Every structure is written in structure tokens, then in C-alpha cells.
Amino acid sequence: MTVAGSNAASAYRSYGAKRLAEYLRAERGRTDGDLYVNGDRLADELGRPPAEIERHLRELSGSSPGLRISLDSDSPRAVWRVSRR
């Protein structure tokens, strides 16, 4: 494994978080602006439990290469904002 590959692999704590980041990166690439998502919608689309998706979103916030993932504080529900870094 190369050094660059090693650094990229260490950016994620789990395989599930890496797959979610890849999915969000692809979805973000299809939009002109920021992407807003919630765990329930993503759980339906990805076939994973909502609690797992929320855990991965928290894990990815602030640490996902190429993405900025943050909890949108203006929303009464847990809505996540995904934008480019």
C-alpha cells in the first residue's frame, strides 16, 4: 500500500463510514449547491438502520476528505449539510 493510500484509508474509522462518504460525495457532485440529508432518508436509500447512518454522519463531520459535513442548526430535526471542502 502506498503512503497516500494509507492516509486515505485512515481518514475513516469504519468501512460503513467510508461507503457513506463515497455515496455523499457522488450525490453532492450531482447538485450545484449544498446537499441536505437526514439519517432516515439515507437509511431508506442505503438499506441500513437510521441509527447507524446517524453514527456515521457524526463520525464523518469535520473529517471526511473533500466534504464538509455538519449538523444544520436551523432545522428542528437532525438535518445534515454536505458541502465541498
N, C-alpha and C. Protein backbone atom coordinates (compact mmCIF):
# COMPACT_ATOMS: atom_id res chain seq x y z
N MET A 1 0.86 -1.18 0.00
CA MET A 1 0.00 0.00 0.00
C MET A 1 0.89 1.23 0.00
N THR A 2 0.49 2.22 -0.74
CA THR A 2 1.27 3.46 -0.80
C THR A 2 0.96 4.33 0.40
N VAL A 3 1.79 5.32 0.61
CA VAL A 3 1.56 6.26 1.71
C VAL A 3 0.26 7.00 1.50
N ALA A 4 -0.01 7.43 0.28
CA ALA A 4 -1.26 8.15 0.01
C ALA A 4 -2.46 7.26 0.28
N GLY A 5 -2.39 5.98 -0.11
CA GLY A 5 -3.47 5.05 0.16
C GLY A 5 -3.66 4.81 1.64
N SER A 6 -2.55 4.75 2.36
CA SER A 6 -2.61 4.56 3.80
C SER A 6 -3.28 5.74 4.48
N ASN A 7 -2.94 6.97 4.06
CA ASN A 7 -3.56 8.16 4.64
C ASN A 7 -5.04 8.21 4.32
N ALA A 8 -5.41 7.85 3.11
CA ALA A 8 -6.82 7.87 2.72
C ALA A 8 -7.61 6.85 3.53
N ALA A 9 -7.03 5.67 3.74
CA ALA A 9 -7.71 4.63 4.49
C ALA A 9 -7.89 5.04 5.94
N SER A 10 -6.92 5.76 6.51
CA SER A 10 -7.01 6.13 7.91
C SER A 10 -7.98 7.28 8.16
N ALA A 11 -8.50 7.91 7.11
CA ALA A 11 -9.44 9.01 7.27
C ALA A 11 -10.81 8.51 7.75
N TYR A 12 -11.06 7.22 7.63
CA TYR A 12 -12.35 6.63 8.02
C TYR A 12 -12.14 5.63 9.13
N ARG A 13 -13.04 5.65 10.09
CA ARG A 13 -12.93 4.72 11.21
C ARG A 13 -13.55 3.38 10.90
N SER A 14 -14.43 3.34 9.89
CA SER A 14 -15.10 2.09 9.56
C SER A 14 -15.40 2.04 8.07
N TYR A 15 -15.63 0.83 7.59
CA TYR A 15 -15.98 0.63 6.20
C TYR A 15 -17.32 1.29 5.88
N GLY A 16 -18.28 1.22 6.82
CA GLY A 16 -19.58 1.84 6.62
C GLY A 16 -19.48 3.35 6.45
N ALA A 17 -18.61 3.99 7.22
CA ALA A 17 -18.40 5.43 7.11
C ALA A 17 -17.78 5.77 5.76
N LYS A 18 -16.85 4.95 5.32
CA LYS A 18 -16.22 5.18 4.02
C LYS A 18 -17.24 5.07 2.89
N ARG A 19 -18.09 4.06 2.95
CA ARG A 19 -19.12 3.89 1.91
C ARG A 19 -20.11 5.04 1.92
N LEU A 20 -20.49 5.51 3.12
CA LEU A 20 -21.40 6.65 3.21
C LEU A 20 -20.75 7.90 2.63
N ALA A 21 -19.49 8.13 2.93
CA ALA A 21 -18.78 9.29 2.38
C ALA A 21 -18.73 9.22 0.86
N GLU A 22 -18.47 8.05 0.31
CA GLU A 22 -18.46 7.90 -1.15
C GLU A 22 -19.83 8.20 -1.75
N TYR A 23 -20.88 7.72 -1.10
CA TYR A 23 -22.25 7.98 -1.56
C TYR A 23 -22.54 9.48 -1.51
N LEU A 24 -22.21 10.13 -0.40
CA LEU A 24 -22.47 11.56 -0.25
C LEU A 24 -21.66 12.38 -1.24
N ARG A 25 -20.44 11.96 -1.50
CA ARG A 25 -19.58 12.65 -2.47
C ARG A 25 -20.23 12.58 -3.87
N ALA A 26 -20.75 11.42 -4.22
CA ALA A 26 -21.40 11.25 -5.53
C ALA A 26 -22.69 12.08 -5.60
N GLU A 27 -23.49 12.06 -4.56
CA GLU A 27 -24.73 12.84 -4.54
C GLU A 27 -24.42 14.34 -4.58
N ARG A 28 -23.41 14.75 -3.84
CA ARG A 28 -23.02 16.16 -3.81
C ARG A 28 -22.56 16.62 -5.19
N GLY A 29 -21.91 15.74 -5.91
CA GLY A 29 -21.43 16.06 -7.25
C GLY A 29 -22.56 16.29 -8.25
N ARG A 30 -23.75 15.79 -7.96
CA ARG A 30 -24.90 15.95 -8.86
C ARG A 30 -25.67 17.24 -8.62
N THR A 31 -25.32 17.99 -7.59
CA THR A 31 -26.04 19.22 -7.27
C THR A 31 -25.14 20.43 -7.47
N ASP A 32 -25.75 21.57 -7.68
CA ASP A 32 -24.98 22.81 -7.83
C ASP A 32 -24.62 23.41 -6.48
N GLY A 33 -25.50 23.24 -5.51
CA GLY A 33 -25.27 23.83 -4.19
C GLY A 33 -25.01 22.77 -3.15
N ASP A 34 -25.30 23.12 -1.92
CA ASP A 34 -25.11 22.18 -0.82
C ASP A 34 -26.20 21.12 -0.85
N LEU A 35 -25.91 19.99 -0.25
CA LEU A 35 -26.83 18.87 -0.16
C LEU A 35 -27.30 18.79 1.28
N TYR A 36 -28.60 18.63 1.48
CA TYR A 36 -29.16 18.49 2.83
C TYR A 36 -29.78 17.10 2.94
N VAL A 37 -29.38 16.36 3.95
CA VAL A 37 -29.85 14.99 4.12
C VAL A 37 -30.21 14.75 5.58
N ASN A 38 -31.02 13.68 5.80
CA ASN A 38 -31.24 13.24 7.18
C ASN A 38 -31.04 11.73 7.23
N GLY A 39 -30.79 11.23 8.40
CA GLY A 39 -30.48 9.82 8.58
C GLY A 39 -31.57 8.89 8.12
N ASP A 40 -32.84 9.26 8.32
CA ASP A 40 -33.95 8.40 7.91
C ASP A 40 -33.98 8.21 6.40
N ARG A 41 -33.82 9.29 5.65
CA ARG A 41 -33.85 9.20 4.19
C ARG A 41 -32.67 8.38 3.68
N LEU A 42 -31.50 8.66 4.22
CA LEU A 42 -30.32 7.91 3.81
C LEU A 42 -30.44 6.43 4.18
N ALA A 43 -31.02 6.13 5.33
CA ALA A 43 -31.20 4.74 5.75
C ALA A 43 -32.09 4.00 4.75
N ASP A 44 -33.16 4.64 4.31
CA ASP A 44 -34.04 4.04 3.31
C ASP A 44 -33.29 3.79 2.00
N GLU A 45 -32.53 4.77 1.55
CA GLU A 45 -31.82 4.67 0.27
C GLU A 45 -30.69 3.64 0.33
N LEU A 46 -30.03 3.53 1.48
CA LEU A 46 -28.86 2.67 1.59
C LEU A 46 -29.16 1.32 2.23
N GLY A 47 -30.37 1.14 2.71
CA GLY A 47 -30.73 -0.13 3.33
C GLY A 47 -30.01 -0.42 4.63
N ARG A 48 -29.73 0.62 5.40
CA ARG A 48 -29.05 0.49 6.69
C ARG A 48 -29.95 1.09 7.77
N PRO A 49 -29.75 0.72 9.03
CA PRO A 49 -30.55 1.31 10.12
C PRO A 49 -30.26 2.80 10.29
N PRO A 50 -31.30 3.61 10.57
CA PRO A 50 -31.09 5.05 10.77
C PRO A 50 -30.04 5.38 11.83
N ALA A 51 -30.00 4.63 12.92
CA ALA A 51 -29.02 4.90 13.98
C ALA A 51 -27.59 4.71 13.47
N GLU A 52 -27.39 3.74 12.61
CA GLU A 52 -26.05 3.51 12.04
C GLU A 52 -25.66 4.67 11.13
N ILE A 53 -26.60 5.13 10.32
CA ILE A 53 -26.33 6.26 9.41
C ILE A 53 -26.00 7.50 10.22
N GLU A 54 -26.78 7.79 11.26
CA GLU A 54 -26.52 8.96 12.11
C GLU A 54 -25.14 8.87 12.76
N ARG A 55 -24.78 7.67 13.22
CA ARG A 55 -23.46 7.47 13.84
C ARG A 55 -22.35 7.76 12.83
N HIS A 56 -22.52 7.29 11.59
CA HIS A 56 -21.52 7.54 10.56
C HIS A 56 -21.46 9.02 10.19
N LEU A 57 -22.60 9.69 10.13
CA LEU A 57 -22.60 11.12 9.82
C LEU A 57 -21.85 11.90 10.89
N ARG A 58 -22.07 11.55 12.15
CA ARG A 58 -21.33 12.21 13.23
C ARG A 58 -19.83 11.94 13.11
N GLU A 59 -19.49 10.71 12.77
CA GLU A 59 -18.09 10.32 12.60
C GLU A 59 -17.45 11.09 11.46
N LEU A 60 -18.20 11.31 10.38
CA LEU A 60 -17.66 11.97 9.20
C LEU A 60 -17.61 13.50 9.32
N SER A 61 -18.41 14.06 10.21
CA SER A 61 -18.45 15.51 10.31
C SER A 61 -17.07 16.04 10.70
N GLY A 62 -16.56 16.89 9.85
CA GLY A 62 -15.27 17.51 10.10
C GLY A 62 -14.06 16.69 9.73
N SER A 63 -14.26 15.43 9.26
CA SER A 63 -13.08 14.61 9.00
C SER A 63 -13.13 13.85 7.68
N SER A 64 -14.03 14.18 6.80
CA SER A 64 -14.14 13.45 5.54
C SER A 64 -13.42 14.20 4.43
N PRO A 65 -12.43 13.57 3.81
CA PRO A 65 -11.67 14.24 2.73
C PRO A 65 -12.58 14.70 1.60
N GLY A 66 -12.49 15.98 1.26
CA GLY A 66 -13.25 16.54 0.15
C GLY A 66 -14.66 16.97 0.47
N LEU A 67 -15.15 16.64 1.65
CA LEU A 67 -16.51 17.01 2.04
C LEU A 67 -16.50 17.75 3.37
N ARG A 68 -17.44 18.65 3.52
CA ARG A 68 -17.70 19.28 4.82
C ARG A 68 -19.11 18.84 5.21
N ILE A 69 -19.20 18.10 6.29
CA ILE A 69 -20.48 17.58 6.78
C ILE A 69 -20.73 18.17 8.14
N SER A 70 -21.87 18.86 8.28
CA SER A 70 -22.17 19.50 9.56
C SER A 70 -23.67 19.42 9.83
N LEU A 71 -24.01 19.42 11.10
CA LEU A 71 -25.40 19.41 11.52
C LEU A 71 -25.97 20.79 11.28
N ASP A 72 -27.09 20.87 10.58
CA ASP A 72 -27.73 22.15 10.28
C ASP A 72 -28.54 22.58 11.50
N SER A 73 -28.08 23.60 12.18
CA SER A 73 -28.71 24.03 13.44
C SER A 73 -30.03 24.75 13.24
N ASP A 74 -30.35 25.15 12.01
CA ASP A 74 -31.61 25.86 11.77
C ASP A 74 -32.81 24.92 11.67
N SER A 75 -32.58 23.64 11.66
CA SER A 75 -33.64 22.66 11.48
C SER A 75 -34.05 22.05 12.82
N PRO A 76 -35.35 21.83 13.03
CA PRO A 76 -35.79 21.18 14.27
C PRO A 76 -35.45 19.69 14.29
N ARG A 77 -35.27 19.08 13.12
CA ARG A 77 -34.86 17.68 13.01
C ARG A 77 -33.37 17.61 12.74
N ALA A 78 -32.83 16.43 12.83
CA ALA A 78 -31.41 16.23 12.54
C ALA A 78 -31.22 16.23 11.02
N VAL A 79 -30.88 17.39 10.48
CA VAL A 79 -30.61 17.54 9.06
C VAL A 79 -29.14 17.89 8.90
N TRP A 80 -28.48 17.18 8.01
CA TRP A 80 -27.05 17.35 7.80
C TRP A 80 -26.80 18.10 6.51
N ARG A 81 -25.88 19.03 6.55
CA ARG A 81 -25.49 19.81 5.38
C ARG A 81 -24.18 19.24 4.85
N VAL A 82 -24.17 18.92 3.56
CA VAL A 82 -22.98 18.37 2.92
C VAL A 82 -22.53 19.35 1.85
N SER A 83 -21.30 19.83 1.97
CA SER A 83 -20.76 20.78 1.00
C SER A 83 -19.32 20.39 0.68
N ARG A 84 -18.77 21.05 -0.31
CA ARG A 84 -17.36 20.78 -0.67
C ARG A 84 -16.44 21.46 0.31
N ARG A 85 -15.31 20.89 0.51
CA ARG A 85 -14.25 21.48 1.33
C ARG A 85 -13.50 22.47 0.52
